[in-house]
């Protein structure tokens, strides 16, 4: 083998091993800094600010027609939904029927 072949081989090996180490490092970091668990909370979003599911005649995110619409939800940190107070009552983990 020529010195050039050995050098290229060594560079390729170094690139592969450092790439694998970086990928493993990223996995560890994302596991340590995981996003908090979220849950759907109905009846707490403002008009046009819902995350999704705003009932018949609407498509998805940003389609709530009124503030605190009972069939429109917003993602909130898990465990906080039912403690959110609105002018129309508390947040709910299920659709609020009018």
PDB file of N, CA and C in Angstrom:
ATOM      1  N   UNK A   1       0.823  -1.182   0.000  1.00  0.00           N
ATOM      2  CA  UNK A   1       0.000   0.000   0.000  1.00  0.00           C
ATOM      3  C   UNK A   1       0.869   1.249   0.000  1.00  0.00           C
ATOM      4  N   UNK A   2       0.410   2.234  -0.693  1.00  0.00           N
ATOM      5  CA  UNK A   2       1.167   3.476  -0.753  1.00  0.00           C
ATOM      6  C   UNK A   2       0.826   4.345   0.463  1.00  0.00           C
ATOM      7  N   UNK A   3       1.696   5.277   0.796  1.00  0.00           N
ATOM      8  CA  UNK A   3       1.429   6.169   1.930  1.00  0.00           C
ATOM      9  C   UNK A   3       0.140   6.969   1.732  1.00  0.00           C
ATOM     10  N   UNK A   4      -0.140   7.327   0.479  1.00  0.00           N
ATOM     11  CA  UNK A   4      -1.354   8.092   0.189  1.00  0.00           C
ATOM     12  C   UNK A   4      -2.598   7.254   0.492  1.00  0.00           C
ATOM     13  N   UNK A   5      -2.605   5.979   0.121  1.00  0.00           N
ATOM     14  CA  UNK A   5      -3.733   5.089   0.389  1.00  0.00           C
ATOM     15  C   UNK A   5      -3.931   4.939   1.891  1.00  0.00           C
ATOM     16  N   UNK A   6      -2.838   4.787   2.626  1.00  0.00           N
ATOM     17  CA  UNK A   6      -2.930   4.668   4.081  1.00  0.00           C
ATOM     18  C   UNK A   6      -3.503   5.934   4.704  1.00  0.00           C
ATOM     19  N   UNK A   7      -3.067   7.082   4.222  1.00  0.00           N
ATOM     20  CA  UNK A   7      -3.554   8.356   4.742  1.00  0.00           C
ATOM     21  C   UNK A   7      -5.045   8.522   4.462  1.00  0.00           C
ATOM     22  N   UNK A   8      -5.456   8.233   3.233  1.00  0.00           N
ATOM     23  CA  UNK A   8      -6.878   8.342   2.889  1.00  0.00           C
ATOM     24  C   UNK A   8      -7.730   7.371   3.708  1.00  0.00           C
ATOM     25  N   UNK A   9      -7.227   6.178   3.898  1.00  0.00           N
ATOM     26  CA  UNK A   9      -7.938   5.189   4.704  1.00  0.00           C
ATOM     27  C   UNK A   9      -8.084   5.645   6.145  1.00  0.00           C
ATOM     28  N   UNK A  10      -7.006   6.203   6.683  1.00  0.00           N
ATOM     29  CA  UNK A  10      -7.040   6.693   8.069  1.00  0.00           C
ATOM     30  C   UNK A  10      -8.015   7.853   8.216  1.00  0.00           C
ATOM     31  N   UNK A  11      -8.039   8.764   7.237  1.00  0.00           N
ATOM     32  CA  UNK A  11      -8.976   9.885   7.268  1.00  0.00           C
ATOM     33  C   UNK A  11     -10.426   9.410   7.184  1.00  0.00           C
ATOM     34  N   UNK A  12     -10.681   8.441   6.325  1.00  0.00           N
ATOM     35  CA  UNK A  12     -12.040   7.902   6.190  1.00  0.00           C
ATOM     36  C   UNK A  12     -12.477   7.245   7.494  1.00  0.00           C
ATOM     37  N   UNK A  13     -11.578   6.466   8.109  1.00  0.00           N
ATOM     38  CA  UNK A  13     -11.897   5.810   9.371  1.00  0.00           C
ATOM     39  C   UNK A  13     -12.177   6.848  10.462  1.00  0.00           C
ATOM     40  N   UNK A  14     -11.369   7.894  10.518  1.00  0.00           N
ATOM     41  CA  UNK A  14     -11.561   8.941  11.523  1.00  0.00           C
ATOM     42  C   UNK A  14     -12.903   9.653  11.330  1.00  0.00           C
ATOM     43  N   UNK A  15     -13.241   9.918  10.084  1.00  0.00           N
ATOM     44  CA  UNK A  15     -14.514  10.584   9.806  1.00  0.00           C
ATOM     45  C   UNK A  15     -15.695   9.719  10.226  1.00  0.00           C
ATOM     46  N   UNK A  16     -15.626   8.434   9.919  1.00  0.00           N
ATOM     47  CA  UNK A  16     -16.713   7.526  10.294  1.00  0.00           C
ATOM     48  C   UNK A  16     -16.854   7.409  11.807  1.00  0.00           C
ATOM     49  N   UNK A  17     -15.762   7.251  12.503  1.00  0.00           N
ATOM     50  CA  UNK A  17     -15.846   7.071  13.946  1.00  0.00           C
ATOM     51  C   UNK A  17     -16.264   8.353  14.652  1.00  0.00           C
ATOM     52  N   UNK A  18     -15.808   9.498  14.179  1.00  0.00           N
ATOM     53  CA  UNK A  18     -16.226  10.742  14.822  1.00  0.00           C
ATOM     54  C   UNK A  18     -17.697  11.024  14.534  1.00  0.00           C
ATOM     55  N   UNK A  19     -18.172  10.675  13.354  1.00  0.00           N
ATOM     56  CA  UNK A  19     -19.593  10.842  13.035  1.00  0.00           C
ATOM     57  C   UNK A  19     -20.472   9.975  13.918  1.00  0.00           C
ATOM     58  N   UNK A  20     -20.046   8.743  14.151  1.00  0.00           N
ATOM     59  CA  UNK A  20     -20.802   7.840  15.023  1.00  0.00           C
ATOM     60  C   UNK A  20     -20.802   8.362  16.451  1.00  0.00           C
ATOM     61  N   UNK A  21     -19.680   8.888  16.903  1.00  0.00           N
ATOM     62  CA  UNK A  21     -19.602   9.426  18.263  1.00  0.00           C
ATOM     63  C   UNK A  21     -20.506  10.650  18.416  1.00  0.00           C
ATOM     64  N   UNK A  22     -20.535  11.493  17.408  1.00  0.00           N
ATOM     65  CA  UNK A  22     -21.397  12.675  17.452  1.00  0.00           C
ATOM     66  C   UNK A  22     -22.860  12.272  17.476  1.00  0.00           C
ATOM     67  N   UNK A  23     -23.247  11.297  16.694  1.00  0.00           N
ATOM     68  CA  UNK A  23     -24.630  10.833  16.668  1.00  0.00           C
ATOM     69  C   UNK A  23     -25.023  10.285  18.028  1.00  0.00           C
ATOM     70  N   UNK A  24     -24.149   9.527  18.650  1.00  0.00           N
ATOM     71  CA  UNK A  24     -24.432   8.980  19.971  1.00  0.00           C
ATOM     72  C   UNK A  24     -24.515  10.109  20.993  1.00  0.00           C
ATOM     73  N   UNK A  25     -23.681  11.096  20.884  1.00  0.00           N
ATOM     74  CA  UNK A  25     -23.685  12.229  21.790  1.00  0.00           C
ATOM     75  C   UNK A  25     -24.994  13.003  21.679  1.00  0.00           C
ATOM     76  N   UNK A  26     -25.492  13.223  20.465  1.00  0.00           N
ATOM     77  CA  UNK A  26     -26.747  13.928  20.257  1.00  0.00           C
ATOM     78  C   UNK A  26     -27.909  13.172  20.879  1.00  0.00           C
ATOM     79  N   UNK A  27     -27.898  11.860  20.765  1.00  0.00           N
ATOM     80  CA  UNK A  27     -28.963  11.052  21.351  1.00  0.00           C
ATOM     81  C   UNK A  27     -28.974  11.221  22.859  1.00  0.00           C
ATOM     82  N   UNK A  28     -27.832  11.211  23.471  1.00  0.00           N
ATOM     83  CA  UNK A  28     -27.740  11.359  24.913  1.00  0.00           C
ATOM     84  C   UNK A  28     -28.228  12.733  25.343  1.00  0.00           C
ATOM     85  N   UNK A  29     -27.833  13.765  24.631  1.00  0.00           N
ATOM     86  CA  UNK A  29     -28.247  15.114  24.987  1.00  0.00           C
ATOM     87  C   UNK A  29     -29.754  15.273  24.890  1.00  0.00           C
ATOM     88  N   UNK A  30     -30.366  14.793  23.816  1.00  0.00           N
ATOM     89  CA  UNK A  30     -31.799  14.959  23.659  1.00  0.00           C
ATOM     90  C   UNK A  30     -32.563  14.186  24.718  1.00  0.00           C
ATOM     91  N   UNK A  31     -32.021  13.073  25.186  1.00  0.00           N
ATOM     92  CA  UNK A  31     -32.667  12.321  26.247  1.00  0.00           C
ATOM     93  C   UNK A  31     -32.602  13.066  27.572  1.00  0.00           C
ATOM     94  N   UNK A  32     -31.494  13.772  27.819  1.00  0.00           N
ATOM     95  CA  UNK A  32     -31.326  14.525  29.052  1.00  0.00           C
ATOM     96  C   UNK A  32     -32.197  15.774  29.071  1.00  0.00           C
ATOM     97  N   UNK A  33     -32.356  16.382  27.914  1.00  0.00           N
ATOM     98  CA  UNK A  33     -33.119  17.622  27.825  1.00  0.00           C
ATOM     99  C   UNK A  33     -34.464  17.377  27.138  1.00  0.00           C
ATOM    100  N   UNK A  34     -35.145  16.325  27.518  1.00  0.00           N
ATOM    101  CA  UNK A  34     -36.409  15.980  26.890  1.00  0.00           C
ATOM    102  C   UNK A  34     -37.444  17.074  27.147  1.00  0.00           C
ATOM    103  N   UNK A  35     -38.295  17.269  26.168  1.00  0.00           N
ATOM    104  CA  UNK A  35     -39.372  18.242  26.311  1.00  0.00           C
ATOM    105  C   UNK A  35     -40.359  17.732  27.356  1.00  0.00           C
ATOM    106  N   UNK A  36     -40.984  18.637  28.086  1.00  0.00           N
ATOM    107  CA  UNK A  36     -41.961  18.190  29.074  1.00  0.00           C
ATOM    108  C   UNK A  36     -43.158  17.534  28.382  1.00  0.00           C
ATOM    109  N   UNK A  37     -43.780  16.599  29.068  1.00  0.00           N
ATOM    110  CA  UNK A  37     -44.959  15.944  28.515  1.00  0.00           C
ATOM    111  C   UNK A  37     -46.064  16.985  28.354  1.00  0.00           C
ATOM    112  N   UNK A  38     -46.781  16.868  27.254  1.00  0.00           N
ATOM    113  CA  UNK A  38     -47.859  17.818  26.970  1.00  0.00           C
ATOM    114  C   UNK A  38     -49.177  17.061  26.859  1.00  0.00           C
ATOM    115  N   UNK A  39     -50.291  17.766  27.065  1.00  0.00           N
ATOM    116  CA  UNK A  39     -51.600  17.164  26.907  1.00  0.00           C
ATOM    117  C   UNK A  39     -52.531  18.160  26.219  1.00  0.00           C
ATOM    118  N   UNK A  40     -53.560  17.625  25.572  1.00  0.00           N
ATOM    119  CA  UNK A  40     -54.556  18.470  24.923  1.00  0.00           C
ATOM    120  C   UNK A  40     -55.495  19.001  25.992  1.00  0.00           C
ATOM    121  N   UNK A  41     -55.735  20.296  25.963  1.00  0.00           N
ATOM    122  CA  UNK A  41     -56.625  20.934  26.933  1.00  0.00           C
ATOM    123  C   UNK A  41     -57.699  21.707  26.170  1.00  0.00           C
ATOM    124  N   UNK A  42     -58.944  21.300  26.355  1.00  0.00           N
ATOM    125  CA  UNK A  42     -60.071  21.913  25.658  1.00  0.00           C
ATOM    126  C   UNK A  42     -60.594  23.120  26.434  1.00  0.00           C
ATOM    127  N   UNK A  43     -61.058  24.121  25.660  1.00  0.00           N
ATOM    128  CA  UNK A  43     -61.710  25.282  26.247  1.00  0.00           C
ATOM    129  C   UNK A  43     -60.795  26.344  26.808  1.00  0.00           C
ATOM    130  N   UNK A  44     -59.524  26.318  26.476  1.00  0.00           N
ATOM    131  CA  UNK A  44     -58.602  27.311  27.033  1.00  0.00           C
ATOM    132  C   UNK A  44     -57.964  28.218  25.983  1.00  0.00           C
ATOM    133  N   UNK A  45     -58.180  27.928  24.708  1.00  0.00           N
ATOM    134  CA  UNK A  45     -57.504  28.723  23.672  1.00  0.00           C
ATOM    135  C   UNK A  45     -58.315  29.967  23.312  1.00  0.00           C
ATOM    136  N   UNK A  46     -57.600  30.935  22.833  1.00  0.00           N
ATOM    137  CA  UNK A  46     -58.234  32.161  22.341  1.00  0.00           C
ATOM    138  C   UNK A  46     -58.627  31.944  20.882  1.00  0.00           C
ATOM    139  N   UNK A  47     -59.548  32.759  20.377  1.00  0.00           N
ATOM    140  CA  UNK A  47     -59.982  32.655  18.983  1.00  0.00           C
ATOM    141  C   UNK A  47     -58.770  32.716  18.063  1.00  0.00           C
ATOM    142  N   UNK A  48     -58.682  31.736  17.154  1.00  0.00           N
ATOM    143  CA  UNK A  48     -57.597  31.698  16.188  1.00  0.00           C
ATOM    144  C   UNK A  48     -56.266  31.238  16.746  1.00  0.00           C
ATOM    145  N   UNK A  49     -56.202  30.838  18.003  1.00  0.00           N
ATOM    146  CA  UNK A  49     -54.936  30.448  18.634  1.00  0.00           C
ATOM    147  C   UNK A  49     -54.926  28.988  19.076  1.00  0.00           C
ATOM    148  N   UNK A  50     -55.923  28.207  18.669  1.00  0.00           N
ATOM    149  CA  UNK A  50     -55.960  26.790  19.067  1.00  0.00           C
ATOM    150  C   UNK A  50     -54.920  25.987  18.305  1.00  0.00           C
ATOM    151  N   UNK A  51     -54.533  24.845  18.882  1.00  0.00           N
ATOM    152  CA  UNK A  51     -53.563  23.980  18.217  1.00  0.00           C
ATOM    153  C   UNK A  51     -54.244  23.098  17.179  1.00  0.00           C
ATOM    154  N   UNK A  52     -55.468  22.668  17.409  1.00  0.00           N
ATOM    155  CA  UNK A  52     -56.198  21.867  16.427  1.00  0.00           C
ATOM    156  C   UNK A  52     -57.601  21.551  16.922  1.00  0.00           C
ATOM    157  N   UNK A  53     -58.368  20.833  16.108  1.00  0.00           N
ATOM    158  CA  UNK A  53     -59.706  20.337  16.442  1.00  0.00           C
ATOM    159  C   UNK A  53     -60.643  21.436  16.927  1.00  0.00           C
ATOM    160  N   UNK A  54     -61.095  22.242  16.023  1.00  0.00           N
ATOM    161  CA  UNK A  54     -62.016  23.307  16.402  1.00  0.00           C
ATOM    162  C   UNK A  54     -63.437  23.047  15.933  1.00  0.00           C
ATOM    163  N   UNK A  55     -63.788  21.816  15.714  1.00  0.00           N
ATOM    164  CA  UNK A  55     -65.166  21.442  15.430  1.00  0.00           C
ATOM    165  C   UNK A  55     -65.582  21.545  13.978  1.00  0.00           C
ATOM    166  N   UNK A  56     -66.876  21.289  13.714  1.00  0.00           N
ATOM    167  CA  UNK A  56     -67.408  21.292  12.351  1.00  0.00           C
ATOM    168  C   UNK A  56     -67.171  22.624  11.634  1.00  0.00           C
ATOM    169  N   UNK A  57     -66.821  22.532  10.388  1.00  0.00           N
ATOM    170  CA  UNK A  57     -66.618  23.731   9.577  1.00  0.00           C
ATOM    171  C   UNK A  57     -65.242  24.357   9.734  1.00  0.00           C
ATOM    172  N   UNK A  58     -64.366  23.731  10.504  1.00  0.00           N
ATOM    173  CA  UNK A  58     -63.007  24.255  10.669  1.00  0.00           C
ATOM    174  C   UNK A  58     -62.027  23.171  10.247  1.00  0.00           C
ATOM    175  N   UNK A  59     -60.819  23.554   9.995  1.00  0.00           N
ATOM    176  CA  UNK A  59     -59.835  22.587   9.538  1.00  0.00           C
ATOM    177  C   UNK A  59     -58.913  22.142  10.665  1.00  0.00           C
ATOM    178  N   UNK A  60     -58.173  23.042  11.235  1.00  0.00           N
ATOM    179  CA  UNK A  60     -57.234  22.626  12.290  1.00  0.00           C
ATOM    180  C   UNK A  60     -56.701  23.843  13.023  1.00  0.00           C
ATOM    181  N   UNK A  61     -55.397  23.920  13.192  1.00  0.00           N
ATOM    182  CA  UNK A  61     -54.777  24.969  13.991  1.00  0.00           C
ATOM    183  C   UNK A  61     -55.205  26.364  13.565  1.00  0.00           C
ATOM    184  N   UNK A  62     -55.489  27.199  14.566  1.00  0.00           N
ATOM    185  CA  UNK A  62     -55.840  28.591  14.313  1.00  0.00           C
ATOM    186  C   UNK A  62     -57.239  28.803  13.787  1.00  0.00           C
ATOM    187  N   UNK A  63     -58.137  27.833  13.942  1.00  0.00           N
ATOM    188  CA  UNK A  63     -59.472  27.959  13.356  1.00  0.00           C
ATOM    189  C   UNK A  63     -60.586  28.137  14.387  1.00  0.00           C
ATOM    190  N   UNK A  64     -60.267  28.242  15.662  1.00  0.00           N
ATOM    191  CA  UNK A  64     -61.304  28.479  16.672  1.00  0.00           C
ATOM    192  C   UNK A  64     -61.954  29.828  16.386  1.00  0.00           C
ATOM    193  N   UNK A  65     -63.266  29.856  16.434  1.00  0.00           N
ATOM    194  CA  UNK A  65     -64.012  31.078  16.088  1.00  0.00           C
ATOM    195  C   UNK A  65     -64.178  32.023  17.264  1.00  0.00           C
ATOM    196  N   UNK A  66     -64.183  31.492  18.491  1.00  0.00           N
ATOM    197  CA  UNK A  66     -64.388  32.326  19.673  1.00  0.00           C
ATOM    198  C   UNK A  66     -63.377  31.948  20.751  1.00  0.00           C
ATOM    199  N   UNK A  67     -63.171  32.847  21.692  1.00  0.00           N
ATOM    200  CA  UNK A  67     -62.310  32.557  22.835  1.00  0.00           C
ATOM    201  C   UNK A  67     -62.911  31.430  23.665  1.00  0.00           C
ATOM    202  N   UNK A  68     -62.076  30.547  24.161  1.00  0.00           N
ATOM    203  CA  UNK A  68     -62.446  29.452  25.062  1.00  0.00           C
ATOM    204  C   UNK A  68     -63.465  28.491  24.448  1.00  0.00           C
ATOM    205  N   UNK A  69     -63.381  28.303  23.128  1.00  0.00           N
ATOM    206  CA  UNK A  69     -64.294  27.393  22.417  1.00  0.00           C
ATOM    207  C   UNK A  69     -64.124  25.980  22.978  1.00  0.00           C
ATOM    208  N   UNK A  70     -65.216  25.349  23.370  1.00  0.00           N
ATOM    209  CA  UNK A  70     -65.190  24.070  24.064  1.00  0.00           C
ATOM    210  C   UNK A  70     -64.668  22.891  23.268  1.00  0.00           C
ATOM    211  N   UNK A  71     -64.720  22.971  21.937  1.00  0.00           N
ATOM    212  CA  UNK A  71     -64.239  21.844  21.125  1.00  0.00           C
ATOM    213  C   UNK A  71     -62.903  22.145  20.462  1.00  0.00           C
ATOM    214  N   UNK A  72     -62.251  23.206  20.890  1.00  0.00           N
ATOM    215  CA  UNK A  72     -60.915  23.559  20.382  1.00  0.00           C
ATOM    216  C   UNK A  72     -59.922  23.348  21.521  1.00  0.00           C
ATOM    217  N   UNK A  73     -58.762  22.765  21.176  1.00  0.00           N
ATOM    218  CA  UNK A  73     -57.788  22.492  22.225  1.00  0.00           C
ATOM    219  C   UNK A  73     -56.460  23.170  21.971  1.00  0.00           C
ATOM    220  N   UNK A  74     -55.688  23.248  23.040  1.00  0.00           N
ATOM    221  CA  UNK A  74     -54.344  23.822  23.023  1.00  0.00           C
ATOM    222  C   UNK A  74     -53.458  22.874  23.817  1.00  0.00           C
ATOM    223  N   UNK A  75     -52.209  22.654  23.375  1.00  0.00           N
ATOM    224  CA  UNK A  75     -51.274  21.849  24.147  1.00  0.00           C
ATOM    225  C   UNK A  75     -50.830  22.642  25.378  1.00  0.00           C
ATOM    226  N   UNK A  76     -50.878  21.977  26.527  1.00  0.00           N
ATOM    227  CA  UNK A  76     -50.408  22.568  27.778  1.00  0.00           C
ATOM    228  C   UNK A  76     -49.539  21.521  28.486  1.00  0.00           C
ATOM    229  N   UNK A  77     -48.684  21.930  29.426  1.00  0.00           N
ATOM    230  CA  UNK A  77     -47.883  20.945  30.156  1.00  0.00           C
ATOM    231  C   UNK A  77     -48.795  19.923  30.853  1.00  0.00           C
ATOM    232  N   UNK A  78     -48.413  18.658  30.787  1.00  0.00           N
ATOM    233  CA  UNK A  78     -49.215  17.585  31.380  1.00  0.00           C
ATOM    234  C   UNK A  78     -49.487  17.871  32.849  1.00  0.00           C
ATOM    235  N   UNK A  79     -50.724  17.627  33.253  1.00  0.00           N
ATOM    236  CA  UNK A  79     -51.116  17.815  34.637  1.00  0.00           C
ATOM    237  C   UNK A  79     -51.608  19.198  34.986  1.00  0.00           C
ATOM    238  N   UNK A  80     -51.621  20.130  34.018  1.00  0.00           N
ATOM    239  CA  UNK A  80     -52.041  21.502  34.325  1.00  0.00           C
ATOM    240  C   UNK A  80     -53.410  21.868  33.768  1.00  0.00           C
ATOM    241  N   UNK A  81     -53.915  21.098  32.831  1.00  0.00           N
ATOM    242  CA  UNK A  81     -55.139  21.472  32.116  1.00  0.00           C
ATOM    243  C   UNK A  81     -56.312  21.776  33.040  1.00  0.00           C
ATOM    244  N   UNK A  82     -56.647  20.863  33.900  1.00  0.00           N
ATOM    245  CA  UNK A  82     -57.856  21.028  34.713  1.00  0.00           C
ATOM    246  C   UNK A  82     -57.705  22.092  35.796  1.00  0.00           C
ATOM    247  N   UNK A  83     -56.513  22.672  35.938  1.00  0.00           N
ATOM    248  CA  UNK A  83     -56.337  23.762  36.894  1.00  0.00           C
ATOM    249  C   UNK A  83     -56.326  25.126  36.207  1.00  0.00           C
ATOM    250  N   UNK A  84     -56.485  25.150  34.890  1.00  0.00           N
ATOM    251  CA  UNK A  84     -56.496  26.424  34.155  1.00  0.00           C
ATOM    252  C   UNK A  84     -57.898  27.034  34.242  1.00  0.00           C
ATOM    253  N   UNK A  85     -57.972  28.221  34.836  1.00  0.00           N
ATOM    254  CA  UNK A  85     -59.243  28.933  35.011  1.00  0.00           C
ATOM    255  C   UNK A  85     -59.437  29.905  33.847  1.00  0.00           C
ATOM    256  N   UNK A  86     -60.606  29.864  33.230  1.00  0.00           N
ATOM    257  CA  UNK A  86     -60.959  30.806  32.161  1.00  0.00           C
ATOM    258  C   UNK A  86     -62.252  31.506  32.579  1.00  0.00           C
ATOM    259  N   UNK A  87     -62.641  32.564  31.895  1.00  0.00           N
ATOM    260  CA  UNK A  87     -63.915  33.213  32.205  1.00  0.00           C
ATOM    261  C   UNK A  87     -65.124  32.275  32.018  1.00  0.00           C
ATOM    262  N   UNK A  88     -64.930  31.194  31.265  1.00  0.00           N
ATOM    263  CA  UNK A  88     -66.029  30.250  31.027  1.00  0.00           C
ATOM    264  C   UNK A  88     -65.905  28.986  31.868  1.00  0.00           C
ATOM    265  N   UNK A  89     -64.969  28.931  32.794  1.00  0.00           N
ATOM    266  CA  UNK A  89     -64.773  27.750  33.629  1.00  0.00           C
ATOM    267  C   UNK A  89     -63.365  27.204  33.526  1.00  0.00           C
ATOM    268  N   UNK A  90     -63.227  25.948  33.934  1.00  0.00           N
ATOM    269  CA  UNK A  90     -61.909  25.314  33.951  1.00  0.00           C
ATOM    270  C   UNK A  90     -61.605  24.631  32.621  1.00  0.00           C
ATOM    271  N   UNK A  91     -60.300  24.418  32.354  1.00  0.00           N
ATOM    272  CA  UNK A  91     -59.888  23.646  31.194  1.00  0.00           C
ATOM    273  C   UNK A  91     -60.341  22.206  31.374  1.00  0.00           C
ATOM    274  N   UNK A  92     -60.440  21.465  30.247  1.00  0.00           N
ATOM    275  CA  UNK A  92     -60.939  20.094  30.297  1.00  0.00           C
ATOM    276  C   UNK A  92     -60.086  19.202  29.416  1.00  0.00           C
ATOM    277  N   UNK A  93     -59.940  17.938  29.841  1.00  0.00           N
ATOM    278  CA  UNK A  93     -59.206  16.953  29.042  1.00  0.00           C
ATOM    279  C   UNK A  93     -60.071  16.357  27.943  1.00  0.00           C
ATOM    280  N   UNK A  94     -61.356  16.686  27.924  1.00  0.00           N
ATOM    281  CA  UNK A  94     -62.259  16.226  26.871  1.00  0.00           C
ATOM    282  C   UNK A  94     -63.064  17.402  26.355  1.00  0.00           C
ATOM    283  N   UNK A  95     -63.714  17.226  25.221  1.00  0.00           N
ATOM    284  CA  UNK A  95     -64.503  18.284  24.588  1.00  0.00           C
ATOM    285  C   UNK A  95     -65.535  18.803  25.582  1.00  0.00           C
ATOM    286  N   UNK A  96     -65.666  20.120  25.658  1.00  0.00           N
ATOM    287  CA  UNK A  96     -66.671  20.757  26.522  1.00  0.00           C
ATOM    288  C   UNK A  96     -67.892  21.007  25.658  1.00  0.00           C
ATOM    289  N   UNK A  97     -68.980  20.359  25.978  1.00  0.00           N
ATOM    290  CA  UNK A  97     -70.217  20.517  25.199  1.00  0.00           C
ATOM    291  C   UNK A  97     -70.954  21.756  25.681  1.00  0.00           C
ATOM    292  N   UNK A  98     -71.444  22.539  24.721  1.00  0.00           N
ATOM    293  CA  UNK A  98     -72.115  23.808  25.046  1.00  0.00           C
ATOM    294  C   UNK A  98     -73.489  23.600  25.627  1.00  0.00           C
TER     295      UNK A  98
END
